[in-house]
Amino acid sequence: MSLVTLSDVLQPALRDGHAVAGLVTLGWEDMRAYVAAAEAEGVPIILQAGPSCREHTPLPVLGKMFRHLAEGASVPVVAHLDHGYTHEDCRIAIDSGFTSVMFDGSRKPLAQNIAETAAIAEMAHAAGVSCEGEIGFVGYSGGEGSDGTDPDEAAQFARETGVDAMAISVGNVHLQQNKEGGLDEARIRAIETVTEVPLVIHGGSGVPVAQRSALARGSKICKFNIGTELRMAFGTALRAAVNADPDRFDRVQILKETHEPVVEATRRVLKAFKGA
């Protein structure tokens, strides 16, 4: 299969009643496992390079890694920049072969967020690339608090930016390690009534699995970002591999033992987003 854009996978999801997982990558081991899981489940996948990933590996390298995996995959693969904070972040991603960019202007005043997101969406579309924006602010577990998305502002944002996907704040929180919360479905329904743009949930690891499935099949939420729970699965597998033999030092051999556990954890995530 070939590399595809975000719109290529989200528009069918919106039409047919399912969602696509945006899986947050940190390195070769997890992104390779994510693609293997998507192939096993027969679903498209969005590989995401967020800020912590970019601190470790430059965007031009990540673009080549994503494209290499996509070109050998049997399912559609999106190469997505997650939380690009500047025009330059997004430009470099586009130049590096990414097929989708997410500009995060959610900390900025509404007018500035709209203006900057619209400019990046225009640049992305001119290059044949999709663009995701964020309205409202999704906070962080143990850190910055959230600012819920106002439906009227969401309608204006969608209309004036031309984004292909819109991340919203409806009770979701980044880096949440448990699933004790839940999303504000009344706010989701209010946002849905005023826009046709596919909606995105950041911090999807904190959303109960049953609610993920129900919303994937019965709402305009077409993309759930999942990072924390898969990082936890990777960390558990890595710790077990290291502790199994204290004399081992070859990291390639150690890292191989994370592959199957991460594939299995990812398959469980992907199953929840399939259509009825």
C-alpha atoms as a PDB file:
ATOM      1  CA  MET A   1       0.000   0.000   0.000  1.00  0.00           C
ATOM      2  CA  SER A   2       1.149   3.562  -0.409  1.00  0.00           C
ATOM      3  CA  LEU A   3       1.557   6.433   1.979  1.00  0.00           C
ATOM      4  CA  VAL A   4      -1.716   8.365   2.281  1.00  0.00           C
ATOM      5  CA  THR A   5      -2.925  11.650   3.730  1.00  0.00           C
ATOM      6  CA  LEU A   6      -4.982  12.149   6.856  1.00  0.00           C
ATOM      7  CA  SER A   7      -8.035  13.031   4.777  1.00  0.00           C
ATOM      8  CA  ASP A   8      -7.643   9.790   2.840  1.00  0.00           C
ATOM      9  CA  VAL A   9      -8.322   7.795   6.015  1.00  0.00           C
ATOM     10  CA  LEU A  10     -10.593  10.139   7.990  1.00  0.00           C
ATOM     11  CA  GLN A  11     -13.197  10.830   5.325  1.00  0.00           C
ATOM     12  CA  PRO A  12     -14.048   7.101   4.951  1.00  0.00           C
ATOM     13  CA  ALA A  13     -14.082   6.828   8.758  1.00  0.00           C
ATOM     14  CA  LEU A  14     -16.558   9.725   8.969  1.00  0.00           C
ATOM     15  CA  ARG A  15     -18.734   8.182   6.268  1.00  0.00           C
ATOM     16  CA  ASP A  16     -18.665   4.577   7.434  1.00  0.00           C
ATOM     17  CA  GLY A  17     -18.707   4.896  11.228  1.00  0.00           C
ATOM     18  CA  HIS A  18     -15.284   3.994  12.541  1.00  0.00           C
ATOM     19  CA  ALA A  19     -12.169   5.755  13.778  1.00  0.00           C
ATOM     20  CA  VAL A  20      -8.460   5.614  12.998  1.00  0.00           C
ATOM     21  CA  ALA A  21      -5.764   5.459  15.663  1.00  0.00           C
ATOM     22  CA  GLY A  22      -3.118   8.149  15.705  1.00  0.00           C
ATOM     23  CA  LEU A  23      -0.270   6.264  17.371  1.00  0.00           C
ATOM     24  CA  VAL A  24       2.436   8.324  19.029  1.00  0.00           C
ATOM     25  CA  THR A  25       5.878   7.042  18.099  1.00  0.00           C
ATOM     26  CA  LEU A  26       9.174   7.428  19.928  1.00  0.00           C
ATOM     27  CA  GLY A  27      11.435   5.267  17.777  1.00  0.00           C
ATOM     28  CA  TRP A  28      11.863   2.503  15.246  1.00  0.00           C
ATOM     29  CA  GLU A  29      10.797  -0.292  17.579  1.00  0.00           C
ATOM     30  CA  ASP A  30       7.360   1.082  18.357  1.00  0.00           C
ATOM     31  CA  MET A  31       6.523   2.403  14.885  1.00  0.00           C
ATOM     32  CA  ARG A  32       7.428  -0.965  13.350  1.00  0.00           C
ATOM     33  CA  ALA A  33       5.233  -2.768  15.885  1.00  0.00           C
ATOM     34  CA  TYR A  34       2.354  -0.361  15.205  1.00  0.00           C
ATOM     35  CA  VAL A  35       2.422  -1.108  11.482  1.00  0.00           C
ATOM     36  CA  ALA A  36       2.568  -4.859  12.140  1.00  0.00           C
ATOM     37  CA  ALA A  37      -0.496  -4.544  14.394  1.00  0.00           C
ATOM     38  CA  ALA A  38      -2.395  -2.523  11.782  1.00  0.00           C
ATOM     39  CA  GLU A  39      -1.610  -5.163   9.158  1.00  0.00           C
ATOM     40  CA  ALA A  40      -2.806  -7.921  11.469  1.00  0.00           C
ATOM     41  CA  GLU A  41      -6.088  -6.067  12.044  1.00  0.00           C
ATOM     42  CA  GLY A  42      -6.447  -4.920   8.436  1.00  0.00           C
ATOM     43  CA  VAL A  43      -6.913  -1.252   9.308  1.00  0.00           C
ATOM     44  CA  PRO A  44      -5.221   2.013   8.331  1.00  0.00           C
ATOM     45  CA  ILE A  45      -2.844   3.636  10.771  1.00  0.00           C
ATOM     46  CA  ILE A  46      -1.501   7.120  11.532  1.00  0.00           C
ATOM     47  CA  LEU A  47       2.139   7.227  12.647  1.00  0.00           C
ATOM     48  CA  GLN A  48       2.680  10.372  14.700  1.00  0.00           C
ATOM     49  CA  ALA A  49       5.884  12.247  15.478  1.00  0.00           C
ATOM     50  CA  GLY A  50       5.292  14.413  18.534  1.00  0.00           C
ATOM     51  CA  PRO A  51       7.611  16.843  20.323  1.00  0.00           C
ATOM     52  CA  SER A  52       9.405  14.238  22.456  1.00  0.00           C
ATOM     53  CA  CYS A  53      10.026  12.056  19.403  1.00  0.00           C
ATOM     54  CA  ARG A  54      11.414  15.040  17.502  1.00  0.00           C
ATOM     55  CA  GLU A  55      13.778  15.865  20.363  1.00  0.00           C
ATOM     56  CA  HIS A  56      15.323  12.425  19.876  1.00  0.00           C
ATOM     57  CA  THR A  57      15.239  12.091  16.071  1.00  0.00           C
ATOM     58  CA  PRO A  58      15.225  14.888  13.456  1.00  0.00           C
ATOM     59  CA  LEU A  59      12.139  15.315  11.284  1.00  0.00           C
ATOM     60  CA  PRO A  60      13.926  14.522   7.987  1.00  0.00           C
ATOM     61  CA  VAL A  61      14.980  11.146   9.455  1.00  0.00           C
ATOM     62  CA  LEU A  62      11.493  10.450  10.830  1.00  0.00           C
ATOM     63  CA  GLY A  63       9.978  11.237   7.449  1.00  0.00           C
ATOM     64  CA  LYS A  64      12.185   8.631   5.784  1.00  0.00           C
ATOM     65  CA  MET A  65      11.385   6.058   8.487  1.00  0.00           C
ATOM     66  CA  PHE A  66       7.631   6.595   8.152  1.00  0.00           C
ATOM     67  CA  ARG A  67       7.763   6.461   4.366  1.00  0.00           C
ATOM     68  CA  HIS A  68       9.883   3.304   4.385  1.00  0.00           C
ATOM     69  CA  LEU A  69       7.355   1.552   6.623  1.00  0.00           C
ATOM     70  CA  ALA A  70       4.420   2.798   4.545  1.00  0.00           C
ATOM     71  CA  GLU A  71       5.899   1.619   1.271  1.00  0.00           C
ATOM     72  CA  GLY A  72       6.216  -1.920   2.622  1.00  0.00           C
ATOM     73  CA  ALA A  73       2.880  -2.031   4.425  1.00  0.00           C
ATOM     74  CA  SER A  74      -0.261  -3.833   3.293  1.00  0.00           C
ATOM     75  CA  VAL A  75      -2.498  -1.130   4.843  1.00  0.00           C
ATOM     76  CA  PRO A  76      -2.701   2.657   4.357  1.00  0.00           C
ATOM     77  CA  VAL A  77      -0.211   4.573   6.500  1.00  0.00           C
ATOM     78  CA  VAL A  78      -0.292   8.305   7.295  1.00  0.00           C
ATOM     79  CA  ALA A  79       2.928  10.125   8.230  1.00  0.00           C
ATOM     80  CA  HIS A  80       1.710  12.772  10.677  1.00  0.00           C
ATOM     81  CA  LEU A  81       3.380  15.625  12.541  1.00  0.00           C
ATOM     82  CA  ASP A  82       1.774  15.835  15.993  1.00  0.00           C
ATOM     83  CA  HIS A  83       1.800  19.159  17.875  1.00  0.00           C
ATOM     84  CA  GLY A  84       3.759  21.287  15.470  1.00  0.00           C
ATOM     85  CA  TYR A  85       4.057  24.567  17.346  1.00  0.00           C
ATOM     86  CA  THR A  86       5.395  26.806  14.591  1.00  0.00           C
ATOM     87  CA  HIS A  87       5.032  27.418  10.875  1.00  0.00           C
ATOM     88  CA  GLU A  88       8.636  26.232  10.557  1.00  0.00           C
ATOM     89  CA  ASP A  89       7.893  22.901  12.290  1.00  0.00           C
ATOM     90  CA  CYS A  90       5.151  22.241   9.760  1.00  0.00           C
ATOM     91  CA  ARG A  91       7.209  23.390   6.769  1.00  0.00           C
ATOM     92  CA  ILE A  92      10.093  21.094   7.686  1.00  0.00           C
ATOM     93  CA  ALA A  93       7.687  18.163   8.120  1.00  0.00           C
ATOM     94  CA  ILE A  94       6.149  18.777   4.698  1.00  0.00           C
ATOM     95  CA  ASP A  95       9.604  19.061   3.128  1.00  0.00           C
ATOM     96  CA  SER A  96      10.565  15.822   4.891  1.00  0.00           C
ATOM     97  CA  GLY A  97       7.781  13.819   3.253  1.00  0.00           C
ATOM     98  CA  PHE A  98       5.068  13.905   5.907  1.00  0.00           C
ATOM     99  CA  THR A  99       1.564  13.622   4.482  1.00  0.00           C
ATOM    100  CA  SER A 100      -0.186  15.352   7.375  1.00  0.00           C
ATOM    101  CA  VAL A 101       0.670  18.107   9.845  1.00  0.00           C
ATOM    102  CA  MET A 102      -1.038  19.126  13.074  1.00  0.00           C
ATOM    103  CA  PHE A 103      -0.509  22.762  14.010  1.00  0.00           C
ATOM    104  CA  ASP A 104      -1.153  23.393  17.688  1.00  0.00           C
ATOM    105  CA  GLY A 105      -2.157  27.000  18.245  1.00  0.00           C
ATOM    106  CA  SER A 106      -4.433  26.082  21.135  1.00  0.00           C
ATOM    107  CA  ARG A 107      -2.568  28.228  23.678  1.00  0.00           C
ATOM    108  CA  LYS A 108      -3.023  31.327  21.511  1.00  0.00           C
ATOM    109  CA  PRO A 109      -5.985  33.732  21.425  1.00  0.00           C
ATOM    110  CA  LEU A 110      -8.764  32.564  19.099  1.00  0.00           C
ATOM    111  CA  ALA A 111      -8.111  35.058  16.298  1.00  0.00           C
ATOM    112  CA  GLN A 112      -4.382  34.284  16.276  1.00  0.00           C
ATOM    113  CA  ASN A 113      -4.989  30.526  16.386  1.00  0.00           C
ATOM    114  CA  ILE A 114      -7.358  30.812  13.419  1.00  0.00           C
ATOM    115  CA  ALA A 115      -5.032  33.024  11.383  1.00  0.00           C
ATOM    116  CA  GLU A 116      -1.928  30.901  11.941  1.00  0.00           C
ATOM    117  CA  THR A 117      -3.742  27.601  11.443  1.00  0.00           C
ATOM    118  CA  ALA A 118      -5.327  28.882   8.203  1.00  0.00           C
ATOM    119  CA  ALA A 119      -1.909  29.873   6.852  1.00  0.00           C
ATOM    120  CA  ILE A 120      -0.468  26.443   7.642  1.00  0.00           C
ATOM    121  CA  ALA A 121      -3.497  24.665   6.172  1.00  0.00           C
ATOM    122  CA  GLU A 122      -3.014  26.671   2.970  1.00  0.00           C
ATOM    123  CA  MET A 123       0.680  25.726   2.833  1.00  0.00           C
ATOM    124  CA  ALA A 124      -0.128  22.068   3.510  1.00  0.00           C
ATOM    125  CA  HIS A 125      -2.893  21.860   0.918  1.00  0.00           C
ATOM    126  CA  ALA A 126      -0.656  23.454  -1.717  1.00  0.00           C
ATOM    127  CA  ALA A 127       1.749  20.549  -1.114  1.00  0.00           C
ATOM    128  CA  GLY A 128      -0.998  17.893  -1.191  1.00  0.00           C
ATOM    129  CA  VAL A 129      -0.760  17.410   2.571  1.00  0.00           C
ATOM    130  CA  SER A 130      -3.566  17.333   5.173  1.00  0.00           C
ATOM    131  CA  CYS A 131      -3.778  19.685   8.143  1.00  0.00           C
ATOM    132  CA  GLU A 132      -5.184  19.172  11.656  1.00  0.00           C
ATOM    133  CA  GLY A 133      -5.794  22.071  14.055  1.00  0.00           C
ATOM    134  CA  GLU A 134      -6.870  22.369  17.684  1.00  0.00           C
ATOM    135  CA  ILE A 135      -9.574  24.552  19.216  1.00  0.00           C
ATOM    136  CA  GLY A 136      -9.913  24.666  22.985  1.00  0.00           C
ATOM    137  CA  PHE A 137      -6.973  23.356  24.981  1.00  0.00           C
ATOM    138  CA  VAL A 138      -6.307  19.746  25.993  1.00  0.00           C
ATOM    139  CA  GLY A 139      -4.394  19.790  29.256  1.00  0.00           C
ATOM    140  CA  TYR A 140      -1.853  17.418  30.764  1.00  0.00           C
ATOM    141  CA  SER A 141      -2.196  14.961  33.629  1.00  0.00           C
ATOM    142  CA  GLY A 142      -0.416  16.527  36.581  1.00  0.00           C
ATOM    143  CA  GLY A 143       0.243  19.697  34.555  1.00  0.00           C
ATOM    144  CA  GLU A 144      -1.617  22.398  32.663  1.00  0.00           C
ATOM    145  CA  GLY A 145      -5.385  22.289  33.022  1.00  0.00           C
ATOM    146  CA  SER A 146      -7.755  21.996  30.069  1.00  0.00           C
ATOM    147  CA  ASP A 147      -9.937  24.672  28.508  1.00  0.00           C
ATOM    148  CA  GLY A 148     -13.029  23.038  27.006  1.00  0.00           C
ATOM    149  CA  THR A 149     -13.923  23.667  23.372  1.00  0.00           C
ATOM    150  CA  ASP A 150     -16.739  26.169  22.821  1.00  0.00           C
ATOM    151  CA  PRO A 151     -19.057  24.891  20.038  1.00  0.00           C
ATOM    152  CA  ASP A 152     -19.480  28.326  18.463  1.00  0.00           C
ATOM    153  CA  GLU A 153     -15.728  28.852  18.393  1.00  0.00           C
ATOM    154  CA  ALA A 154     -15.299  25.358  16.921  1.00  0.00           C
ATOM    155  CA  ALA A 155     -17.690  26.236  14.093  1.00  0.00           C
ATOM    156  CA  GLN A 156     -15.804  29.456  13.378  1.00  0.00           C
ATOM    157  CA  PHE A 157     -12.443  27.693  13.564  1.00  0.00           C
ATOM    158  CA  ALA A 158     -13.484  24.968  11.133  1.00  0.00           C
ATOM    159  CA  ARG A 159     -15.028  27.454   8.725  1.00  0.00           C
ATOM    160  CA  GLU A 160     -12.166  29.969   8.691  1.00  0.00           C
ATOM    161  CA  THR A 161      -9.131  27.665   8.788  1.00  0.00           C
ATOM    162  CA  GLY A 162     -10.080  25.016   6.237  1.00  0.00           C
ATOM    163  CA  VAL A 163      -8.547  22.242   8.366  1.00  0.00           C
ATOM    164  CA  ASP A 164      -9.110  18.595   7.443  1.00  0.00           C
ATOM    165  CA  ALA A 165      -9.455  17.512  11.087  1.00  0.00           C
ATOM    166  CA  MET A 166     -10.170  19.372  14.303  1.00  0.00           C
ATOM    167  CA  ALA A 167      -8.852  18.402  17.728  1.00  0.00           C
ATOM    168  CA  ILE A 168     -11.241  19.305  20.537  1.00  0.00           C
ATOM    169  CA  SER A 169     -11.145  19.506  24.337  1.00  0.00           C
ATOM    170  CA  VAL A 170     -14.078  17.604  25.824  1.00  0.00           C
ATOM    171  CA  GLY A 171     -12.711  16.089  29.031  1.00  0.00           C
ATOM    172  CA  ASN A 172      -9.677  14.437  27.459  1.00  0.00           C
ATOM    173  CA  VAL A 173      -6.235  14.889  29.034  1.00  0.00           C
ATOM    174  CA  HIS A 174      -2.750  14.155  27.699  1.00  0.00           C
ATOM    175  CA  LEU A 175      -0.515  11.597  29.476  1.00  0.00           C
ATOM    176  CA  GLN A 176      -3.288  10.070  31.566  1.00  0.00           C
ATOM    177  CA  GLN A 177      -2.286   6.597  32.750  1.00  0.00           C
ATOM    178  CA  ASN A 178      -5.714   5.355  33.814  1.00  0.00           C
ATOM    179  CA  LYS A 179      -9.110   5.237  32.119  1.00  0.00           C
ATOM    180  CA  GLU A 180     -11.168   6.507  35.029  1.00  0.00           C
ATOM    181  CA  GLY A 181     -12.318   9.651  33.289  1.00  0.00           C
ATOM    182  CA  GLY A 182     -14.537   9.864  30.254  1.00  0.00           C
ATOM    183  CA  LEU A 183     -15.486  12.388  27.630  1.00  0.00           C
ATOM    184  CA  ASP A 184     -18.226  15.018  27.833  1.00  0.00           C
ATOM    185  CA  GLU A 185     -20.630  13.618  25.256  1.00  0.00           C
ATOM    186  CA  ALA A 186     -23.051  16.549  25.510  1.00  0.00           C
ATOM    187  CA  ARG A 187     -20.258  18.922  24.456  1.00  0.00           C
ATOM    188  CA  ILE A 188     -19.262  16.548  21.650  1.00  0.00           C
ATOM    189  CA  ARG A 189     -22.845  16.510  20.329  1.00  0.00           C
ATOM    190  CA  ALA A 190     -23.016  20.295  20.474  1.00  0.00           C
ATOM    191  CA  ILE A 191     -19.813  20.568  18.442  1.00  0.00           C
ATOM    192  CA  GLU A 192     -20.993  17.961  15.950  1.00  0.00           C
ATOM    193  CA  THR A 193     -24.126  19.924  15.123  1.00  0.00           C
ATOM    194  CA  VAL A 194     -22.164  22.950  13.906  1.00  0.00           C
ATOM    195  CA  THR A 195     -19.407  21.359  11.810  1.00  0.00           C
ATOM    196  CA  GLU A 196     -18.786  18.573   9.308  1.00  0.00           C
ATOM    197  CA  VAL A 197     -15.038  18.380   9.969  1.00  0.00           C
ATOM    198  CA  PRO A 198     -13.761  15.041  11.358  1.00  0.00           C
ATOM    199  CA  LEU A 199     -13.054  15.441  15.076  1.00  0.00           C
ATOM    200  CA  VAL A 200      -9.934  14.321  16.931  1.00  0.00           C
ATOM    201  CA  ILE A 201      -9.395  13.282  20.548  1.00  0.00           C
ATOM    202  CA  HIS A 202      -5.910  13.867  21.930  1.00  0.00           C
ATOM    203  CA  GLY A 203      -5.104  12.005  25.137  1.00  0.00           C
ATOM    204  CA  GLY A 204      -7.086   8.990  23.996  1.00  0.00           C
ATOM    205  CA  SER A 205      -5.308   6.661  26.429  1.00  0.00           C
ATOM    206  CA  GLY A 206      -7.403   8.121  29.242  1.00  0.00           C
ATOM    207  CA  VAL A 207     -10.732   7.392  27.536  1.00  0.00           C
ATOM    208  CA  PRO A 208     -12.540   4.195  28.619  1.00  0.00           C
ATOM    209  CA  VAL A 209     -12.411   1.594  25.859  1.00  0.00           C
ATOM    210  CA  ALA A 210     -16.189   1.182  25.709  1.00  0.00           C
ATOM    211  CA  GLN A 211     -16.609   4.913  25.171  1.00  0.00           C
ATOM    212  CA  ARG A 212     -13.906   4.901  22.482  1.00  0.00           C
ATOM    213  CA  SER A 213     -15.817   2.217  20.598  1.00  0.00           C
ATOM    214  CA  ALA A 214     -19.206   3.896  20.984  1.00  0.00           C
ATOM    215  CA  LEU A 215     -17.925   7.261  19.802  1.00  0.00           C
ATOM    216  CA  ALA A 216     -15.907   5.740  16.950  1.00  0.00           C
ATOM    217  CA  ARG A 217     -19.107   4.170  15.626  1.00  0.00           C
ATOM    218  CA  GLY A 218     -21.624   6.826  16.578  1.00  0.00           C
ATOM    219  CA  SER A 219     -20.045  10.277  16.363  1.00  0.00           C
ATOM    220  CA  LYS A 220     -17.899  12.515  14.162  1.00  0.00           C
ATOM    221  CA  ILE A 221     -14.825  11.611  16.205  1.00  0.00           C
ATOM    222  CA  CYS A 222     -12.716   9.871  13.583  1.00  0.00           C
ATOM    223  CA  LYS A 223      -9.262   9.937  15.168  1.00  0.00           C
ATOM    224  CA  PHE A 224      -8.105   9.025  18.661  1.00  0.00           C
ATOM    225  CA  ASN A 225      -4.491   9.746  19.574  1.00  0.00           C
ATOM    226  CA  ILE A 226      -3.013   6.945  21.664  1.00  0.00           C
ATOM    227  CA  GLY A 227       0.412   7.233  23.229  1.00  0.00           C
ATOM    228  CA  THR A 228       0.660   6.683  26.968  1.00  0.00           C
ATOM    229  CA  GLU A 229      -0.818   3.194  27.175  1.00  0.00           C
ATOM    230  CA  LEU A 230       1.441   1.919  24.399  1.00  0.00           C
ATOM    231  CA  ARG A 231       4.504   3.557  25.923  1.00  0.00           C
ATOM    232  CA  MET A 232       3.581   1.749  29.142  1.00  0.00           C
ATOM    233  CA  ALA A 233       3.361  -1.554  27.255  1.00  0.00           C
ATOM    234  CA  PHE A 234       6.759  -0.920  25.674  1.00  0.00           C
ATOM    235  CA  GLY A 235       8.292   0.017  29.034  1.00  0.00           C
ATOM    236  CA  THR A 236       6.934  -3.108  30.715  1.00  0.00           C
ATOM    237  CA  ALA A 237       8.279  -5.340  27.932  1.00  0.00           C
ATOM    238  CA  LEU A 238      11.663  -3.609  27.938  1.00  0.00           C
ATOM    239  CA  ARG A 239      11.993  -3.897  31.712  1.00  0.00           C
ATOM    240  CA  ALA A 240      11.197  -7.609  31.533  1.00  0.00           C
ATOM    241  CA  ALA A 241      13.734  -8.144  28.758  1.00  0.00           C
ATOM    242  CA  VAL A 242      16.489  -6.306  30.631  1.00  0.00           C
ATOM    243  CA  ASN A 243      15.779  -8.040  33.930  1.00  0.00           C
ATOM    244  CA  ALA A 244      15.602 -11.507  32.360  1.00  0.00           C
ATOM    245  CA  ASP A 245      19.370 -11.577  31.917  1.00  0.00           C
ATOM    246  CA  PRO A 246      21.490  -8.979  33.742  1.00  0.00           C
ATOM    247  CA  ASP A 247      24.565 -10.031  31.760  1.00  0.00           C
ATOM    248  CA  ARG A 248      23.055  -9.128  28.393  1.00  0.00           C
ATOM    249  CA  PHE A 249      24.256  -5.872  26.858  1.00  0.00           C
ATOM    250  CA  ASP A 250      23.311  -6.080  23.163  1.00  0.00           C
ATOM    251  CA  ARG A 251      20.468  -3.609  22.869  1.00  0.00           C
ATOM    252  CA  VAL A 252      19.287  -5.007  19.532  1.00  0.00           C
ATOM    253  CA  GLN A 253      18.643  -8.395  21.123  1.00  0.00           C
ATOM    254  CA  ILE A 254      16.957  -6.770  24.111  1.00  0.00           C
ATOM    255  CA  LEU A 255      14.741  -4.515  21.998  1.00  0.00           C
ATOM    256  CA  LYS A 256      13.606  -7.441  19.839  1.00  0.00           C
ATOM    257  CA  GLU A 257      11.747  -8.749  22.858  1.00  0.00           C
ATOM    258  CA  THR A 258       9.543  -5.653  22.984  1.00  0.00           C
ATOM    259  CA  HIS A 259       8.094  -6.286  19.534  1.00  0.00           C
ATOM    260  CA  GLU A 260       5.417  -8.891  20.148  1.00  0.00           C
ATOM    261  CA  PRO A 261       4.108  -7.371  23.406  1.00  0.00           C
ATOM    262  CA  VAL A 262       3.739  -3.978  21.727  1.00  0.00           C
ATOM    263  CA  VAL A 263       2.067  -5.538  18.678  1.00  0.00           C
ATOM    264  CA  GLU A 264      -0.474  -7.261  20.936  1.00  0.00           C
ATOM    265  CA  ALA A 265      -1.151  -4.114  22.969  1.00  0.00           C
ATOM    266  CA  THR A 266      -1.609  -2.129  19.764  1.00  0.00           C
ATOM    267  CA  ARG A 267      -3.993  -4.701  18.300  1.00  0.00           C
ATOM    268  CA  ARG A 268      -6.195  -4.326  21.378  1.00  0.00           C
ATOM    269  CA  VAL A 269      -6.256  -0.572  20.816  1.00  0.00           C
ATOM    270  CA  LEU A 270      -7.079  -0.898  17.121  1.00  0.00           C
ATOM    271  CA  LYS A 271      -9.943  -3.355  17.659  1.00  0.00           C
ATOM    272  CA  ALA A 272     -11.887  -0.712  19.594  1.00  0.00           C
ATOM    273  CA  PHE A 273     -11.988   1.655  16.628  1.00  0.00           C
ATOM    274  CA  LYS A 274     -13.356  -0.745  14.029  1.00  0.00           C
ATOM    275  CA  GLY A 275     -16.857  -0.288  12.659  1.00  0.00           C
ATOM    276  CA  ALA A 276     -19.791  -2.297  13.956  1.00  0.00           C
END
